[in-house]
C-alpha atoms as a PDB file:
ATOM      1  CA  MET A   1      -0.056  -2.932 -33.519  1.00  0.00           C
ATOM      2  CA  ILE A   2      -1.786   0.397 -31.575  1.00  0.00           C
ATOM      3  CA  LYS A   3      -4.801   1.950 -33.116  1.00  0.00           C
ATOM      4  CA  VAL A   4      -6.454   5.196 -31.477  1.00  0.00           C
ATOM      5  CA  VAL A   5     -10.107   4.384 -31.322  1.00  0.00           C
ATOM      6  CA  ARG A   6     -11.419   7.489 -29.537  1.00  0.00           C
ATOM      7  CA  GLY A   7      -9.815  11.508 -29.647  1.00  0.00           C
ATOM      8  CA  ASN A   8      -7.194  13.034 -31.862  1.00  0.00           C
ATOM      9  CA  PRO A   9      -4.080  12.777 -29.920  1.00  0.00           C
ATOM     10  CA  THR A  10      -0.907  14.868 -30.932  1.00  0.00           C
ATOM     11  CA  PRO A  11       2.030  13.288 -32.192  1.00  0.00           C
ATOM     12  CA  GLU A  12       3.551  14.178 -28.877  1.00  0.00           C
ATOM     13  CA  GLU A  13       0.817  12.159 -26.942  1.00  0.00           C
ATOM     14  CA  LEU A  14       0.884   9.314 -29.238  1.00  0.00           C
ATOM     15  CA  ALA A  15       4.837   9.072 -28.706  1.00  0.00           C
ATOM     16  CA  ALA A  16       4.121   9.241 -25.169  1.00  0.00           C
ATOM     17  CA  ALA A  17       1.956   6.967 -24.784  1.00  0.00           C
ATOM     18  CA  LEU A  18       4.150   4.220 -27.322  1.00  0.00           C
ATOM     19  CA  ALA A  19       7.194   4.808 -24.933  1.00  0.00           C
ATOM     20  CA  VAL A  20       5.154   3.600 -21.737  1.00  0.00           C
ATOM     21  CA  VAL A  21       3.848   0.728 -23.821  1.00  0.00           C
ATOM     22  CA  ARG A  22       7.425  -0.391 -25.059  1.00  0.00           C
ATOM     23  CA  ALA A  23       9.182   0.616 -21.546  1.00  0.00           C
ATOM     24  CA  ARG A  24       6.079  -1.684 -19.891  1.00  0.00           C
ATOM     25  CA  ALA A  25       7.218  -4.476 -22.599  1.00  0.00           C
ATOM     26  CA  ALA A  26      10.827  -4.425 -22.260  1.00  0.00           C
ATOM     27  CA  ALA A  27      10.530  -4.666 -18.612  1.00  0.00           C
ATOM     28  CA  ALA A  28       8.061  -7.664 -18.923  1.00  0.00           C
ATOM     29  CA  ASP A  29      10.579  -9.373 -21.061  1.00  0.00           C
ATOM     30  CA  ALA A  30      13.452  -8.831 -18.810  1.00  0.00           C
ATOM     31  CA  ALA A  31      11.506 -10.190 -15.458  1.00  0.00           C
ATOM     32  CA  PRO A  32      13.131 -13.361 -14.584  1.00  0.00           C
ATOM     33  CA  ASP A  33      10.447 -16.466 -14.928  1.00  0.00           C
ATOM     34  CA  GLY A  34      11.218 -18.507 -11.873  1.00  0.00           C
ATOM     35  CA  GLY A  35       7.645 -20.362 -11.381  1.00  0.00           C
ATOM     36  CA  PRO A  36       4.589 -19.129  -9.291  1.00  0.00           C
ATOM     37  CA  ALA A  37       5.517 -16.144  -7.173  1.00  0.00           C
ATOM     38  CA  VAL A  38       6.349 -16.360  -3.560  1.00  0.00           C
ATOM     39  CA  PRO A  39       3.626 -14.408  -1.527  1.00  0.00           C
ATOM     40  CA  GLU A  40       4.786 -11.578   0.046  1.00  0.00           C
ATOM     41  CA  ALA A  41       5.222 -12.306   4.178  1.00  0.00           C
ATOM     42  CA  TRP A  42       2.617  -9.908   5.070  1.00  0.00           C
ATOM     43  CA  ALA A  43       0.181 -12.121   3.114  1.00  0.00           C
ATOM     44  CA  ASP A  44       1.216 -15.155   4.894  1.00  0.00           C
ATOM     45  CA  PRO A  45      -1.454 -16.821   6.878  1.00  0.00           C
ATOM     46  CA  ALA A  46       1.298 -18.443   9.387  1.00  0.00           C
ATOM     47  CA  ARG A  47       2.485 -15.343  10.737  1.00  0.00           C
ATOM     48  CA  LEU A  48      -1.045 -15.023  12.532  1.00  0.00           C
ATOM     49  CA  ALA A  49      -0.636 -18.621  14.079  1.00  0.00           C
ATOM     50  CA  ALA A  50       2.990 -17.810  15.266  1.00  0.00           C
ATOM     51  CA  SER A  51       2.655 -20.792  17.450  1.00  0.00           C
ATOM     52  CA  ARG A  52       0.320 -23.577  17.948  1.00  0.00           C
ATOM     53  CA  VAL A  53      -2.490 -23.281  20.242  1.00  0.00           C
ATOM     54  CA  PRO A  54      -2.815 -26.795  22.592  1.00  0.00           C
ATOM     55  CA  ALA A  55      -6.105 -28.668  22.336  1.00  0.00           C
ATOM     56  CA  PRO A  56      -8.535 -27.981  24.914  1.00  0.00           C
ATOM     57  CA  GLY A  57      -8.738 -30.446  27.743  1.00  0.00           C
ATOM     58  CA  PRO A  58     -11.455 -31.750  29.841  1.00  0.00           C
ATOM     59  CA  LYS A  59     -13.682 -28.927  31.220  1.00  0.00           C
ATOM     60  CA  SER A  60     -12.188 -26.555  28.893  1.00  0.00           C
ATOM     61  CA  TRP A  61     -15.086 -24.534  28.171  1.00  0.00           C
ATOM     62  CA  GLY A  62     -15.680 -23.744  31.892  1.00  0.00           C
ATOM     63  CA  ARG A  63     -12.649 -21.722  31.888  1.00  0.00           C
ATOM     64  CA  THR A  64     -13.048 -20.331  28.387  1.00  0.00           C
ATOM     65  CA  TYR A  65     -14.373 -16.199  29.567  1.00  0.00           C
ATOM     66  CA  TRP A  66     -13.497 -16.519  33.342  1.00  0.00           C
ATOM     67  CA  PRO A  67      -9.941 -15.446  34.651  1.00  0.00           C
ATOM     68  CA  ALA A  68      -8.355 -18.188  36.464  1.00  0.00           C
END
């Protein structure tokens, strides 16, 4: 049920709003429910660490900011 709370829409405006609501509801019903959504590739934190960084060895603190 849709109720107009404010304003005075014309019948054309009300029909357009109702068409949008019905289209969204139909799209939501047609969407497959395959469980939780898989995150997009750009949001995957693993892409930032493409390869594992080796653990630091002895005296690695001295080579941190100095060229070899």
